[in-house]
Amino acid sequence: MHPAAHFRSDDPALFEALIDEIGFGMVFATTPDGPRVAHTPLLSTGDGAVQFHLSRGNALTRYLDGMTALALVNGADGYVSPRWYADPAQVPTWNYVSLELEGRVRRMDEAGLLGLLEALSDRHEARIAAGEPWTMAKMPEEGLRKLLAGIVGFELEVQAWRPTFKLSQNKDAAERARVAEGLEVEGARAIAQLMRTLAP
């Protein structure tokens, strides 16, 4: 989390929207083997928790149950050039959006894991325009049994939300508009759009 207060937010709906839109993140924990990270799809429960699954062989899987861990969702980002400011006495920086979620992790039972997999596939299949959505019902029973045997589901109950929405809020409106335009021209359209909608 960025230390500057004007880059923070206390809007839970915005946090939920970021998790839903990105749908993927990292889970970090300190294990007896040292610090470890896992990359995984994330699903918000809508009531202060996120669910995810890991391969049974992942370096975190055997330790996570009962631990405090950190999940991270990275949003749009872009390099900000000093040439976009009216005042030339500026330095380069980076605008970005990220959300850290700290909390206790519990291992899910098989029914919970199956529910997570169904919710994840339903959500992401619905975003694909062409063709008929794939569903868990299309999975052969033996294949599903093997899949479930190879992964473990977890739920992280969020005890601390640490957001950073660094969108040039420390600059005036004219400067922000120039930075957003510069980012858009350079191909960083997503962060430029967030600057216009979240930090007008």
N, C-alpha and C. Protein backbone atom coordinates (compact mmCIF):
# COMPACT_ATOMS: atom_id res chain seq x y z
N MET A 1 0.84 -1.18 0.00
CA MET A 1 0.00 0.00 0.00
C MET A 1 0.88 1.23 0.00
N HIS A 2 0.55 2.19 -0.86
CA HIS A 2 1.28 3.45 -0.91
C HIS A 2 1.02 4.23 0.39
N PRO A 3 2.05 4.85 0.97
CA PRO A 3 1.84 5.55 2.25
C PRO A 3 1.01 6.83 2.15
N ALA A 4 0.92 7.44 0.96
CA ALA A 4 0.17 8.70 0.84
C ALA A 4 -1.33 8.46 0.92
N ALA A 5 -2.00 9.19 1.82
CA ALA A 5 -3.42 8.98 2.08
C ALA A 5 -4.30 9.26 0.86
N HIS A 6 -3.89 10.21 -0.02
CA HIS A 6 -4.76 10.53 -1.16
C HIS A 6 -4.74 9.45 -2.24
N PHE A 7 -3.93 8.41 -2.08
CA PHE A 7 -3.94 7.29 -3.03
C PHE A 7 -4.74 6.10 -2.48
N ARG A 8 -5.46 6.31 -1.39
CA ARG A 8 -6.24 5.23 -0.80
C ARG A 8 -7.72 5.42 -1.04
N SER A 9 -8.47 4.38 -0.75
CA SER A 9 -9.92 4.42 -0.87
C SER A 9 -10.50 3.59 0.26
N ASP A 10 -11.72 3.92 0.65
CA ASP A 10 -12.40 3.10 1.66
C ASP A 10 -13.75 2.61 1.12
N ASP A 11 -13.79 2.40 -0.19
CA ASP A 11 -15.02 2.00 -0.87
C ASP A 11 -15.03 0.49 -1.12
N PRO A 12 -15.71 -0.29 -0.27
CA PRO A 12 -15.73 -1.75 -0.44
C PRO A 12 -16.27 -2.19 -1.80
N ALA A 13 -17.22 -1.44 -2.36
CA ALA A 13 -17.77 -1.80 -3.67
C ALA A 13 -16.69 -1.70 -4.75
N LEU A 14 -15.80 -0.73 -4.62
CA LEU A 14 -14.70 -0.58 -5.56
C LEU A 14 -13.72 -1.74 -5.44
N PHE A 15 -13.47 -2.18 -4.20
CA PHE A 15 -12.58 -3.33 -4.00
C PHE A 15 -13.17 -4.59 -4.63
N GLU A 16 -14.45 -4.81 -4.39
CA GLU A 16 -15.13 -5.98 -4.94
C GLU A 16 -15.11 -5.94 -6.47
N ALA A 17 -15.32 -4.74 -7.04
CA ALA A 17 -15.32 -4.61 -8.49
C ALA A 17 -13.94 -4.93 -9.07
N LEU A 18 -12.89 -4.52 -8.36
CA LEU A 18 -11.53 -4.80 -8.83
C LEU A 18 -11.25 -6.30 -8.81
N ILE A 19 -11.62 -6.97 -7.73
CA ILE A 19 -11.42 -8.42 -7.65
C ILE A 19 -12.20 -9.12 -8.75
N ASP A 20 -13.44 -8.69 -8.95
CA ASP A 20 -14.29 -9.31 -9.98
C ASP A 20 -13.74 -9.08 -11.37
N GLU A 21 -13.31 -7.86 -11.66
CA GLU A 21 -12.83 -7.53 -13.00
C GLU A 21 -11.52 -8.22 -13.33
N ILE A 22 -10.58 -8.21 -12.39
CA ILE A 22 -9.26 -8.82 -12.63
C ILE A 22 -9.38 -10.34 -12.53
N GLY A 23 -9.94 -10.82 -11.42
CA GLY A 23 -10.19 -12.25 -11.28
C GLY A 23 -8.96 -13.12 -11.03
N PHE A 24 -7.80 -12.49 -10.87
CA PHE A 24 -6.58 -13.26 -10.71
C PHE A 24 -5.64 -12.48 -9.79
N GLY A 25 -4.87 -13.21 -8.99
CA GLY A 25 -3.96 -12.52 -8.09
C GLY A 25 -2.88 -13.45 -7.58
N MET A 26 -2.24 -13.00 -6.53
CA MET A 26 -1.15 -13.75 -5.90
C MET A 26 -1.45 -13.89 -4.42
N VAL A 27 -1.06 -15.01 -3.86
CA VAL A 27 -1.18 -15.24 -2.42
C VAL A 27 0.22 -15.46 -1.87
N PHE A 28 0.57 -14.68 -0.84
CA PHE A 28 1.89 -14.74 -0.23
C PHE A 28 1.78 -15.22 1.21
N ALA A 29 2.76 -16.00 1.65
CA ALA A 29 2.83 -16.40 3.05
C ALA A 29 4.27 -16.77 3.39
N THR A 30 4.60 -16.65 4.65
CA THR A 30 5.89 -17.10 5.13
C THR A 30 5.72 -18.51 5.65
N THR A 31 6.48 -19.44 5.10
CA THR A 31 6.37 -20.85 5.48
C THR A 31 7.66 -21.28 6.17
N PRO A 32 7.68 -22.46 6.77
CA PRO A 32 8.93 -22.98 7.32
C PRO A 32 10.04 -23.10 6.28
N ASP A 33 9.64 -23.15 5.00
CA ASP A 33 10.62 -23.22 3.92
C ASP A 33 11.04 -21.84 3.41
N GLY A 34 10.50 -20.78 4.03
CA GLY A 34 10.78 -19.42 3.60
C GLY A 34 9.55 -18.78 2.97
N PRO A 35 9.65 -17.54 2.51
CA PRO A 35 8.50 -16.88 1.89
C PRO A 35 8.15 -17.53 0.56
N ARG A 36 6.86 -17.68 0.31
CA ARG A 36 6.38 -18.30 -0.93
C ARG A 36 5.21 -17.50 -1.49
N VAL A 37 5.02 -17.61 -2.81
CA VAL A 37 3.91 -16.96 -3.48
C VAL A 37 3.27 -17.94 -4.45
N ALA A 38 1.96 -17.84 -4.57
CA ALA A 38 1.22 -18.66 -5.53
C ALA A 38 0.35 -17.73 -6.38
N HIS A 39 0.26 -18.02 -7.66
CA HIS A 39 -0.59 -17.27 -8.58
C HIS A 39 -1.87 -18.06 -8.79
N THR A 40 -3.02 -17.41 -8.64
CA THR A 40 -4.27 -18.15 -8.64
C THR A 40 -5.47 -17.29 -8.99
N PRO A 41 -6.50 -17.88 -9.59
CA PRO A 41 -7.76 -17.15 -9.74
C PRO A 41 -8.33 -16.84 -8.36
N LEU A 42 -8.96 -15.68 -8.24
CA LEU A 42 -9.58 -15.26 -6.98
C LEU A 42 -11.06 -15.02 -7.21
N LEU A 43 -11.86 -15.40 -6.22
CA LEU A 43 -13.30 -15.17 -6.28
C LEU A 43 -13.75 -14.57 -4.96
N SER A 44 -14.34 -13.39 -5.03
CA SER A 44 -14.87 -12.77 -3.81
C SER A 44 -16.18 -13.44 -3.43
N THR A 45 -16.37 -13.65 -2.14
CA THR A 45 -17.63 -14.21 -1.66
C THR A 45 -18.69 -13.12 -1.50
N GLY A 46 -18.25 -11.86 -1.54
CA GLY A 46 -19.18 -10.74 -1.37
C GLY A 46 -19.45 -10.39 0.07
N ASP A 47 -18.86 -11.15 1.00
CA ASP A 47 -19.08 -10.86 2.42
C ASP A 47 -17.77 -10.82 3.21
N GLY A 48 -16.71 -10.34 2.55
CA GLY A 48 -15.46 -10.15 3.26
C GLY A 48 -14.47 -11.29 3.18
N ALA A 49 -14.60 -12.12 2.18
CA ALA A 49 -13.64 -13.21 2.02
C ALA A 49 -13.35 -13.41 0.52
N VAL A 50 -12.22 -14.02 0.24
CA VAL A 50 -11.90 -14.42 -1.13
C VAL A 50 -11.54 -15.90 -1.12
N GLN A 51 -11.94 -16.58 -2.18
CA GLN A 51 -11.65 -18.00 -2.32
C GLN A 51 -10.69 -18.21 -3.46
N PHE A 52 -9.89 -19.27 -3.35
CA PHE A 52 -8.94 -19.61 -4.40
C PHE A 52 -8.58 -21.08 -4.27
N HIS A 53 -7.91 -21.60 -5.28
CA HIS A 53 -7.46 -22.99 -5.21
C HIS A 53 -6.03 -23.08 -5.71
N LEU A 54 -5.32 -24.05 -5.18
CA LEU A 54 -3.93 -24.29 -5.55
C LEU A 54 -3.73 -25.76 -5.88
N SER A 55 -2.72 -26.01 -6.68
CA SER A 55 -2.32 -27.39 -6.92
C SER A 55 -1.90 -28.02 -5.60
N ARG A 56 -2.21 -29.29 -5.43
CA ARG A 56 -1.81 -29.98 -4.21
C ARG A 56 -0.30 -29.93 -4.01
N GLY A 57 0.46 -29.86 -5.12
CA GLY A 57 1.91 -29.83 -5.03
C GLY A 57 2.51 -28.43 -4.87
N ASN A 58 1.67 -27.39 -4.81
CA ASN A 58 2.18 -26.03 -4.67
C ASN A 58 2.91 -25.88 -3.34
N ALA A 59 3.94 -25.05 -3.33
CA ALA A 59 4.77 -24.87 -2.13
C ALA A 59 4.00 -24.28 -0.94
N LEU A 60 2.85 -23.65 -1.19
CA LEU A 60 2.06 -23.07 -0.10
C LEU A 60 0.98 -24.02 0.43
N THR A 61 0.54 -24.95 -0.40
CA THR A 61 -0.66 -25.73 -0.09
C THR A 61 -0.61 -26.40 1.28
N ARG A 62 0.48 -27.02 1.61
CA ARG A 62 0.51 -27.79 2.87
C ARG A 62 0.57 -26.91 4.11
N TYR A 63 0.85 -25.61 3.95
CA TYR A 63 1.00 -24.73 5.11
C TYR A 63 -0.16 -23.76 5.33
N LEU A 64 -0.94 -23.46 4.31
CA LEU A 64 -1.88 -22.34 4.38
C LEU A 64 -3.00 -22.48 5.40
N ASP A 65 -3.51 -23.66 5.62
CA ASP A 65 -4.66 -23.82 6.50
C ASP A 65 -4.33 -23.28 7.90
N GLY A 66 -5.07 -22.25 8.32
CA GLY A 66 -4.87 -21.65 9.64
C GLY A 66 -3.86 -20.52 9.68
N MET A 67 -3.15 -20.29 8.58
CA MET A 67 -2.15 -19.22 8.55
C MET A 67 -2.79 -17.87 8.23
N THR A 68 -2.05 -16.79 8.54
CA THR A 68 -2.38 -15.47 8.04
C THR A 68 -1.58 -15.29 6.75
N ALA A 69 -2.26 -14.89 5.70
CA ALA A 69 -1.62 -14.73 4.39
C ALA A 69 -2.02 -13.39 3.80
N LEU A 70 -1.37 -13.06 2.71
CA LEU A 70 -1.63 -11.82 2.00
C LEU A 70 -1.98 -12.16 0.55
N ALA A 71 -3.13 -11.68 0.10
CA ALA A 71 -3.50 -11.81 -1.31
C ALA A 71 -3.34 -10.46 -1.97
N LEU A 72 -2.92 -10.46 -3.21
CA LEU A 72 -2.68 -9.22 -3.94
C LEU A 72 -3.34 -9.29 -5.31
N VAL A 73 -4.11 -8.25 -5.63
CA VAL A 73 -4.72 -8.11 -6.94
C VAL A 73 -4.11 -6.87 -7.58
N ASN A 74 -3.47 -7.04 -8.73
CA ASN A 74 -2.90 -5.91 -9.46
C ASN A 74 -3.83 -5.51 -10.59
N GLY A 75 -4.12 -4.20 -10.64
CA GLY A 75 -4.95 -3.67 -11.71
C GLY A 75 -4.11 -3.01 -12.78
N ALA A 76 -4.71 -2.06 -13.46
CA ALA A 76 -4.03 -1.35 -14.54
C ALA A 76 -2.87 -0.53 -13.99
N ASP A 77 -1.87 -0.28 -14.87
CA ASP A 77 -0.73 0.55 -14.47
C ASP A 77 -0.15 1.21 -15.71
N GLY A 78 0.71 2.21 -15.48
CA GLY A 78 1.37 2.87 -16.59
C GLY A 78 2.44 3.84 -16.13
N TYR A 79 3.51 3.93 -16.89
CA TYR A 79 4.61 4.85 -16.63
C TYR A 79 4.17 6.29 -16.93
N VAL A 80 4.49 7.20 -16.02
CA VAL A 80 4.14 8.61 -16.17
C VAL A 80 5.41 9.41 -16.44
N SER A 81 5.48 10.00 -17.62
CA SER A 81 6.66 10.78 -18.02
C SER A 81 6.57 12.21 -17.50
N PRO A 82 7.69 12.78 -17.01
CA PRO A 82 7.70 14.18 -16.58
C PRO A 82 7.34 15.15 -17.72
N ARG A 83 7.52 14.73 -18.96
CA ARG A 83 7.24 15.64 -20.09
C ARG A 83 5.76 15.98 -20.20
N TRP A 84 4.89 15.22 -19.50
CA TRP A 84 3.46 15.50 -19.56
C TRP A 84 3.02 16.57 -18.58
N TYR A 85 3.91 17.02 -17.70
CA TYR A 85 3.57 18.06 -16.73
C TYR A 85 3.92 19.44 -17.27
N ALA A 86 3.19 20.45 -16.80
CA ALA A 86 3.51 21.82 -17.18
C ALA A 86 4.82 22.26 -16.55
N ASP A 87 5.06 21.84 -15.33
CA ASP A 87 6.29 22.17 -14.61
C ASP A 87 7.36 21.14 -14.98
N PRO A 88 8.48 21.56 -15.59
CA PRO A 88 9.50 20.60 -16.00
C PRO A 88 10.29 20.01 -14.83
N ALA A 89 10.16 20.60 -13.65
CA ALA A 89 10.93 20.11 -12.49
C ALA A 89 10.18 18.97 -11.81
N GLN A 90 9.89 17.92 -12.57
CA GLN A 90 9.20 16.73 -12.07
C GLN A 90 10.08 15.52 -12.32
N VAL A 91 9.71 14.41 -11.75
CA VAL A 91 10.44 13.16 -11.96
C VAL A 91 9.48 12.11 -12.49
N PRO A 92 10.00 11.09 -13.14
CA PRO A 92 9.11 10.01 -13.60
C PRO A 92 8.45 9.31 -12.42
N THR A 93 7.29 8.75 -12.66
CA THR A 93 6.60 7.96 -11.64
C THR A 93 5.78 6.89 -12.35
N TRP A 94 4.99 6.19 -11.59
CA TRP A 94 4.15 5.11 -12.12
C TRP A 94 2.78 5.24 -11.50
N ASN A 95 1.75 5.28 -12.30
CA ASN A 95 0.38 5.22 -11.78
C ASN A 95 -0.07 3.77 -11.83
N TYR A 96 -0.81 3.36 -10.81
CA TYR A 96 -1.22 1.96 -10.74
C TYR A 96 -2.37 1.79 -9.76
N VAL A 97 -2.99 0.63 -9.87
CA VAL A 97 -4.07 0.23 -8.97
C VAL A 97 -3.71 -1.14 -8.41
N SER A 98 -3.79 -1.28 -7.09
CA SER A 98 -3.56 -2.59 -6.48
C SER A 98 -4.38 -2.70 -5.20
N LEU A 99 -4.62 -3.93 -4.82
CA LEU A 99 -5.39 -4.19 -3.61
C LEU A 99 -4.74 -5.35 -2.87
N GLU A 100 -4.35 -5.08 -1.62
CA GLU A 100 -3.81 -6.11 -0.74
C GLU A 100 -4.90 -6.54 0.23
N LEU A 101 -5.02 -7.84 0.44
CA LEU A 101 -6.01 -8.39 1.36
C LEU A 101 -5.28 -9.32 2.33
N GLU A 102 -5.31 -8.98 3.59
CA GLU A 102 -4.65 -9.81 4.61
C GLU A 102 -5.70 -10.51 5.45
N GLY A 103 -5.46 -11.78 5.74
CA GLY A 103 -6.43 -12.47 6.58
C GLY A 103 -6.06 -13.92 6.84
N ARG A 104 -6.89 -14.53 7.67
CA ARG A 104 -6.72 -15.94 8.02
C ARG A 104 -7.24 -16.82 6.90
N VAL A 105 -6.53 -17.90 6.66
CA VAL A 105 -6.90 -18.83 5.59
C VAL A 105 -7.42 -20.12 6.21
N ARG A 106 -8.47 -20.65 5.63
CA ARG A 106 -8.96 -21.96 6.03
C ARG A 106 -9.10 -22.81 4.79
N ARG A 107 -8.84 -24.09 4.96
CA ARG A 107 -8.98 -25.04 3.86
C ARG A 107 -10.46 -25.37 3.67
N MET A 108 -10.89 -25.44 2.42
CA MET A 108 -12.28 -25.76 2.12
C MET A 108 -12.46 -27.27 1.97
N ASP A 109 -13.67 -27.74 2.24
CA ASP A 109 -13.95 -29.14 1.99
C ASP A 109 -14.23 -29.33 0.50
N GLU A 110 -14.44 -30.57 0.09
CA GLU A 110 -14.61 -30.86 -1.34
C GLU A 110 -15.83 -30.18 -1.93
N ALA A 111 -16.91 -30.09 -1.15
CA ALA A 111 -18.12 -29.43 -1.65
C ALA A 111 -17.85 -27.94 -1.88
N GLY A 112 -17.12 -27.32 -0.97
CA GLY A 112 -16.76 -25.91 -1.14
C GLY A 112 -15.87 -25.70 -2.34
N LEU A 113 -14.91 -26.59 -2.54
CA LEU A 113 -14.02 -26.51 -3.69
C LEU A 113 -14.81 -26.64 -4.99
N LEU A 114 -15.71 -27.59 -5.04
CA LEU A 114 -16.52 -27.79 -6.24
C LEU A 114 -17.36 -26.54 -6.52
N GLY A 115 -17.94 -25.96 -5.47
CA GLY A 115 -18.71 -24.72 -5.63
C GLY A 115 -17.86 -23.59 -6.16
N LEU A 116 -16.63 -23.49 -5.66
CA LEU A 116 -15.69 -22.47 -6.14
C LEU A 116 -15.39 -22.66 -7.62
N LEU A 117 -15.09 -23.88 -8.02
CA LEU A 117 -14.77 -24.16 -9.43
C LEU A 117 -15.94 -23.85 -10.34
N GLU A 118 -17.14 -24.20 -9.90
CA GLU A 118 -18.34 -23.90 -10.69
C GLU A 118 -18.54 -22.40 -10.82
N ALA A 119 -18.39 -21.67 -9.72
CA ALA A 119 -18.59 -20.21 -9.74
C ALA A 119 -17.54 -19.53 -10.62
N LEU A 120 -16.29 -19.99 -10.53
CA LEU A 120 -15.23 -19.41 -11.35
C LEU A 120 -15.48 -19.64 -12.84
N SER A 121 -15.77 -20.89 -13.20
CA SER A 121 -15.97 -21.18 -14.63
C SER A 121 -17.23 -20.48 -15.15
N ASP A 122 -18.30 -20.45 -14.36
CA ASP A 122 -19.52 -19.77 -14.81
C ASP A 122 -19.25 -18.28 -15.05
N ARG A 123 -18.55 -17.65 -14.13
CA ARG A 123 -18.28 -16.21 -14.24
C ARG A 123 -17.44 -15.90 -15.48
N HIS A 124 -16.39 -16.65 -15.68
CA HIS A 124 -15.48 -16.33 -16.79
C HIS A 124 -15.99 -16.83 -18.13
N GLU A 125 -16.72 -17.94 -18.16
CA GLU A 125 -17.34 -18.41 -19.40
C GLU A 125 -18.37 -17.40 -19.90
N ALA A 126 -19.08 -16.73 -18.97
CA ALA A 126 -20.09 -15.74 -19.35
C ALA A 126 -19.48 -14.54 -20.05
N ARG A 127 -18.19 -14.33 -19.89
CA ARG A 127 -17.52 -13.18 -20.51
C ARG A 127 -17.08 -13.47 -21.95
N ILE A 128 -17.15 -14.72 -22.37
CA ILE A 128 -16.74 -15.08 -23.73
C ILE A 128 -17.95 -14.98 -24.64
N ALA A 129 -17.83 -14.13 -25.65
CA ALA A 129 -18.99 -13.82 -26.50
C ALA A 129 -19.42 -14.97 -27.40
N ALA A 130 -18.45 -15.64 -28.00
CA ALA A 130 -18.79 -16.64 -29.01
C ALA A 130 -18.93 -18.04 -28.42
N GLY A 131 -19.89 -18.77 -28.93
CA GLY A 131 -20.03 -20.17 -28.55
C GLY A 131 -20.85 -20.40 -27.29
N GLU A 132 -21.10 -21.67 -27.05
CA GLU A 132 -21.88 -22.07 -25.88
C GLU A 132 -20.95 -22.19 -24.67
N PRO A 133 -21.34 -21.62 -23.53
CA PRO A 133 -20.47 -21.68 -22.34
C PRO A 133 -20.17 -23.12 -21.91
N TRP A 134 -18.94 -23.33 -21.49
CA TRP A 134 -18.55 -24.60 -20.89
C TRP A 134 -19.06 -24.62 -19.46
N THR A 135 -19.52 -25.79 -19.01
CA THR A 135 -19.96 -25.92 -17.62
C THR A 135 -19.32 -27.15 -17.00
N MET A 136 -19.31 -27.20 -15.68
CA MET A 136 -18.75 -28.35 -14.97
C MET A 136 -19.49 -29.64 -15.32
N ALA A 137 -20.77 -29.51 -15.70
CA ALA A 137 -21.56 -30.69 -16.05
C ALA A 137 -20.99 -31.41 -17.28
N LYS A 138 -20.19 -30.72 -18.08
CA LYS A 138 -19.60 -31.33 -19.27
C LYS A 138 -18.35 -32.14 -18.96
N MET A 139 -17.92 -32.07 -17.71
CA MET A 139 -16.70 -32.78 -17.30
C MET A 139 -17.06 -34.23 -16.99
N PRO A 140 -16.36 -35.20 -17.61
CA PRO A 140 -16.61 -36.60 -17.26
C PRO A 140 -16.33 -36.84 -15.78
N GLU A 141 -17.11 -37.71 -15.17
CA GLU A 141 -17.00 -37.94 -13.73
C GLU A 141 -15.60 -38.34 -13.30
N GLU A 142 -14.96 -39.21 -14.08
CA GLU A 142 -13.61 -39.65 -13.73
C GLU A 142 -12.62 -38.50 -13.81
N GLY A 143 -12.77 -37.66 -14.83
CA GLY A 143 -11.89 -36.50 -14.98
C GLY A 143 -12.08 -35.51 -13.84
N LEU A 144 -13.31 -35.31 -13.42
CA LEU A 144 -13.60 -34.41 -12.30
C LEU A 144 -13.00 -34.95 -11.02
N ARG A 145 -13.10 -36.26 -10.82
CA ARG A 145 -12.52 -36.88 -9.63
C ARG A 145 -11.01 -36.66 -9.59
N LYS A 146 -10.35 -36.81 -10.72
CA LYS A 146 -8.90 -36.58 -10.79
C LYS A 146 -8.55 -35.12 -10.54
N LEU A 147 -9.34 -34.22 -11.12
CA LEU A 147 -9.13 -32.79 -10.92
C LEU A 147 -9.21 -32.44 -9.44
N LEU A 148 -10.27 -32.88 -8.79
CA LEU A 148 -10.47 -32.56 -7.38
C LEU A 148 -9.39 -33.17 -6.50
N ALA A 149 -8.85 -34.29 -6.91
CA ALA A 149 -7.78 -34.92 -6.13
C ALA A 149 -6.46 -34.16 -6.25
N GLY A 150 -6.34 -33.34 -7.29
CA GLY A 150 -5.07 -32.66 -7.53
C GLY A 150 -5.00 -31.23 -7.06
N ILE A 151 -6.12 -30.69 -6.55
CA ILE A 151 -6.13 -29.30 -6.10
C ILE A 151 -6.77 -29.18 -4.72
N VAL A 152 -6.51 -28.05 -4.08
CA VAL A 152 -7.06 -27.79 -2.74
C VAL A 152 -7.67 -26.39 -2.76
N GLY A 153 -8.87 -26.25 -2.21
CA GLY A 153 -9.54 -24.96 -2.14
C GLY A 153 -9.30 -24.29 -0.80
N PHE A 154 -9.22 -22.96 -0.84
CA PHE A 154 -8.99 -22.17 0.37
C PHE A 154 -9.89 -20.95 0.38
N GLU A 155 -10.17 -20.47 1.59
CA GLU A 155 -10.89 -19.21 1.74
C GLU A 155 -10.10 -18.32 2.70
N LEU A 156 -9.83 -17.09 2.26
CA LEU A 156 -9.12 -16.11 3.08
C LEU A 156 -10.15 -15.12 3.61
N GLU A 157 -10.33 -15.09 4.93
CA GLU A 157 -11.25 -14.13 5.55
C GLU A 157 -10.49 -12.83 5.74
N VAL A 158 -10.88 -11.80 5.01
CA VAL A 158 -10.12 -10.56 4.97
C VAL A 158 -10.26 -9.81 6.29
N GLN A 159 -9.12 -9.56 6.94
CA GLN A 159 -9.09 -8.79 8.18
C GLN A 159 -8.57 -7.38 7.95
N ALA A 160 -7.86 -7.17 6.83
CA ALA A 160 -7.35 -5.84 6.49
C ALA A 160 -7.35 -5.69 4.97
N TRP A 161 -7.99 -4.62 4.50
CA TRP A 161 -7.99 -4.26 3.08
C TRP A 161 -7.00 -3.11 2.93
N ARG A 162 -6.01 -3.25 2.04
CA ARG A 162 -5.04 -2.18 1.84
C ARG A 162 -4.98 -1.83 0.35
N PRO A 163 -5.81 -0.86 -0.05
CA PRO A 163 -5.87 -0.48 -1.46
C PRO A 163 -4.89 0.64 -1.80
N THR A 164 -4.43 0.65 -3.04
CA THR A 164 -3.70 1.78 -3.60
C THR A 164 -4.30 2.09 -4.97
N PHE A 165 -4.81 3.31 -5.10
CA PHE A 165 -5.31 3.82 -6.37
C PHE A 165 -4.49 5.06 -6.68
N LYS A 166 -3.29 4.86 -7.21
CA LYS A 166 -2.36 5.98 -7.49
C LYS A 166 -2.64 6.48 -8.89
N LEU A 167 -3.44 7.56 -8.95
CA LEU A 167 -3.97 8.06 -10.21
C LEU A 167 -3.70 9.56 -10.37
N SER A 168 -2.55 10.01 -9.87
CA SER A 168 -2.15 11.43 -9.94
C SER A 168 -3.09 12.35 -9.16
N GLN A 169 -3.69 11.82 -8.06
CA GLN A 169 -4.56 12.66 -7.25
C GLN A 169 -3.81 13.81 -6.59
N ASN A 170 -2.47 13.72 -6.52
CA ASN A 170 -1.68 14.79 -5.92
C ASN A 170 -1.40 15.92 -6.91
N LYS A 171 -1.96 15.83 -8.11
CA LYS A 171 -1.81 16.87 -9.13
C LYS A 171 -3.16 17.54 -9.38
N ASP A 172 -3.13 18.75 -9.94
CA ASP A 172 -4.39 19.43 -10.22
C ASP A 172 -5.08 18.80 -11.44
N ALA A 173 -6.31 19.23 -11.70
CA ALA A 173 -7.13 18.60 -12.74
C ALA A 173 -6.49 18.71 -14.12
N ALA A 174 -5.87 19.86 -14.42
CA ALA A 174 -5.24 20.03 -15.74
C ALA A 174 -4.06 19.08 -15.91
N GLU A 175 -3.26 18.93 -14.86
CA GLU A 175 -2.12 18.01 -14.92
C GLU A 175 -2.61 16.57 -15.09
N ARG A 176 -3.64 16.19 -14.34
CA ARG A 176 -4.18 14.84 -14.45
C ARG A 176 -4.68 14.57 -15.86
N ALA A 177 -5.33 15.57 -16.45
CA ALA A 177 -5.85 15.39 -17.81
C ALA A 177 -4.70 15.18 -18.80
N ARG A 178 -3.60 15.93 -18.64
CA ARG A 178 -2.45 15.75 -19.54
C ARG A 178 -1.81 14.38 -19.36
N VAL A 179 -1.70 13.94 -18.10
CA VAL A 179 -1.11 12.63 -17.82
C VAL A 179 -1.99 11.52 -18.41
N ALA A 180 -3.30 11.64 -18.22
CA ALA A 180 -4.23 10.64 -18.76
C ALA A 180 -4.12 10.58 -20.28
N GLU A 181 -4.03 11.73 -20.91
CA GLU A 181 -3.89 11.77 -22.37
C GLU A 181 -2.58 11.13 -22.81
N GLY A 182 -1.49 11.46 -22.11
CA GLY A 182 -0.19 10.86 -22.43
C GLY A 182 -0.22 9.35 -22.30
N LEU A 183 -0.81 8.86 -21.22
CA LEU A 183 -0.91 7.41 -21.01
C LEU A 183 -1.73 6.75 -22.11
N GLU A 184 -2.84 7.39 -22.47
CA GLU A 184 -3.69 6.81 -23.51
C GLU A 184 -2.96 6.73 -24.84
N VAL A 185 -2.27 7.80 -25.21
CA VAL A 185 -1.52 7.82 -26.48
C VAL A 185 -0.47 6.72 -26.50
N GLU A 186 0.13 6.45 -25.33
CA GLU A 186 1.18 5.42 -25.26
C GLU A 186 0.62 4.01 -25.11
N GLY A 187 -0.70 3.87 -25.14
CA GLY A 187 -1.30 2.54 -25.12
C GLY A 187 -1.78 2.05 -23.76
N ALA A 188 -1.60 2.88 -22.72
CA ALA A 188 -2.05 2.49 -21.38
C ALA A 188 -3.47 3.01 -21.15
N ARG A 189 -4.40 2.52 -21.97
CA ARG A 189 -5.78 3.04 -21.95
C ARG A 189 -6.51 2.76 -20.65
N ALA A 190 -6.26 1.60 -20.06
CA ALA A 190 -7.01 1.22 -18.85
C ALA A 190 -6.70 2.16 -17.69
N ILE A 191 -5.42 2.46 -17.47
CA ILE A 191 -5.08 3.35 -16.35
C ILE A 191 -5.54 4.77 -16.66
N ALA A 192 -5.48 5.19 -17.93
CA ALA A 192 -5.97 6.51 -18.31
C ALA A 192 -7.46 6.63 -18.02
N GLN A 193 -8.22 5.58 -18.33
CA GLN A 193 -9.66 5.58 -18.08
C GLN A 193 -9.95 5.64 -16.58
N LEU A 194 -9.19 4.89 -15.80
CA LEU A 194 -9.39 4.95 -14.35
C LEU A 194 -9.08 6.33 -13.80
N MET A 195 -8.06 6.99 -14.33
CA MET A 195 -7.75 8.36 -13.90
C MET A 195 -8.94 9.27 -14.16
N ARG A 196 -9.59 9.10 -15.28
CA ARG A 196 -10.72 9.97 -15.63
C ARG A 196 -11.98 9.67 -14.81
N THR A 197 -12.15 8.40 -14.43
CA THR A 197 -13.39 8.04 -13.73
C THR A 197 -13.24 8.06 -12.20
N LEU A 198 -12.06 7.71 -11.70
CA LEU A 198 -11.90 7.62 -10.24
C LEU A 198 -11.21 8.84 -9.64
N ALA A 199 -10.51 9.63 -10.46
CA ALA A 199 -9.81 10.80 -9.94
C ALA A 199 -10.02 11.98 -10.88
N PRO A 200 -11.30 12.37 -11.11
CA PRO A 200 -11.59 13.44 -12.07
C PRO A 200 -11.12 14.82 -11.59
